[in-house]
């Protein structure tokens, strides 16, 4: 009889743990999905800005335009 009680207690513990895990995932999933989408959108925006800056720099160098020295071109302070 004692063995059966331990088995039922272990099943109860496992079932409760699984139920709580499912409840936690269900409760936090909308927040986690929103955070993942926000991170992806910010990454895409950063990628677009970097591409735009590099394209502008290449266009200026092809055009032969002179631009004031900045921290990114290694000529600052010279």
Protein backbone atom coordinates (compact mmCIF):
# COMPACT_ATOMS: atom_id res chain seq x y z
CA UNK A 1 0.00 0.00 0.00
CA UNK A 2 2.87 2.38 0.76
CA UNK A 3 4.33 1.91 -2.74
CA UNK A 4 1.05 2.83 -4.37
CA UNK A 5 0.79 6.02 -2.26
CA UNK A 6 4.29 7.10 -3.28
CA UNK A 7 3.48 6.48 -6.93
CA UNK A 8 0.30 8.55 -6.68
CA UNK A 9 2.18 11.35 -4.92
CA UNK A 10 4.85 11.34 -7.63
CA UNK A 11 2.18 11.44 -10.33
CA UNK A 12 0.44 14.29 -8.50
CA UNK A 13 3.75 16.20 -8.26
CA UNK A 14 4.59 15.61 -11.93
CA UNK A 15 1.08 16.56 -13.03
CA UNK A 16 1.11 19.72 -10.94
CA UNK A 17 4.53 20.72 -12.28
CA UNK A 18 3.43 20.16 -15.87
CA UNK A 19 0.20 22.09 -15.31
CA UNK A 20 2.04 25.02 -13.73
CA UNK A 21 4.59 25.04 -16.57
CA UNK A 22 1.83 25.08 -19.18
CA UNK A 23 0.04 27.86 -17.30
CA UNK A 24 3.24 29.93 -17.08
CA UNK A 25 3.96 29.54 -20.80
CA UNK A 26 0.35 30.40 -21.66
CA UNK A 27 0.47 33.49 -19.44
CA UNK A 28 3.85 34.79 -20.66
CA UNK A 29 3.67 33.76 -24.33
CA UNK A 30 2.05 37.00 -25.54
CA UNK A 31 4.70 39.05 -23.76
CA UNK A 32 7.53 36.88 -25.07
CA UNK A 33 6.18 37.00 -28.62
CA UNK A 34 5.88 40.79 -28.39
CA UNK A 35 9.44 41.10 -27.07
CA UNK A 36 10.78 38.83 -29.84
CA UNK A 37 8.95 40.83 -32.51
CA UNK A 38 10.20 44.09 -31.01
CA UNK A 39 13.79 42.83 -31.00
CA UNK A 40 13.47 41.66 -34.61
CA UNK A 41 11.99 44.99 -35.70
CA UNK A 42 14.73 46.97 -33.97
CA UNK A 43 17.36 44.72 -35.55
CA UNK A 44 15.84 45.26 -39.00
CA UNK A 45 15.73 49.02 -38.41
CA UNK A 46 19.37 49.02 -37.34
CA UNK A 47 20.33 46.98 -40.39
CA UNK A 48 18.50 49.43 -42.65
CA UNK A 49 20.21 52.43 -41.02
CA UNK A 50 23.65 50.83 -41.35
CA UNK A 51 22.97 50.00 -45.00
CA UNK A 52 21.76 53.54 -45.65
CA UNK A 53 24.84 55.05 -44.01
CA UNK A 54 27.21 52.81 -45.96
CA UNK A 55 25.38 53.55 -49.20
CA UNK A 56 25.55 57.28 -48.55
CA UNK A 57 29.26 57.06 -47.78
CA UNK A 58 29.91 55.10 -51.00
CA UNK A 59 27.83 57.56 -53.01
CA UNK A 60 29.74 60.52 -51.58
CA UNK A 61 33.10 58.90 -52.27
CA UNK A 62 32.08 58.09 -55.89
CA UNK A 63 30.88 61.65 -56.34
CA UNK A 64 34.15 63.01 -55.02
CA UNK A 65 32.41 65.14 -52.47
CA UNK A 66 34.33 66.36 -49.47
CA UNK A 67 32.76 65.93 -46.10
CA UNK A 68 34.00 67.17 -42.74
CA UNK A 69 36.12 64.69 -40.81
CA UNK A 70 34.20 62.56 -38.40
CA UNK A 71 34.94 59.93 -35.80
CA UNK A 72 34.28 57.06 -38.23
CA UNK A 73 36.74 57.91 -41.00
CA UNK A 74 39.94 58.04 -38.94
CA UNK A 75 40.76 61.62 -39.92
CA UNK A 76 39.39 63.32 -36.84
CA UNK A 77 41.78 65.80 -35.28
CA UNK A 78 44.26 65.87 -38.18
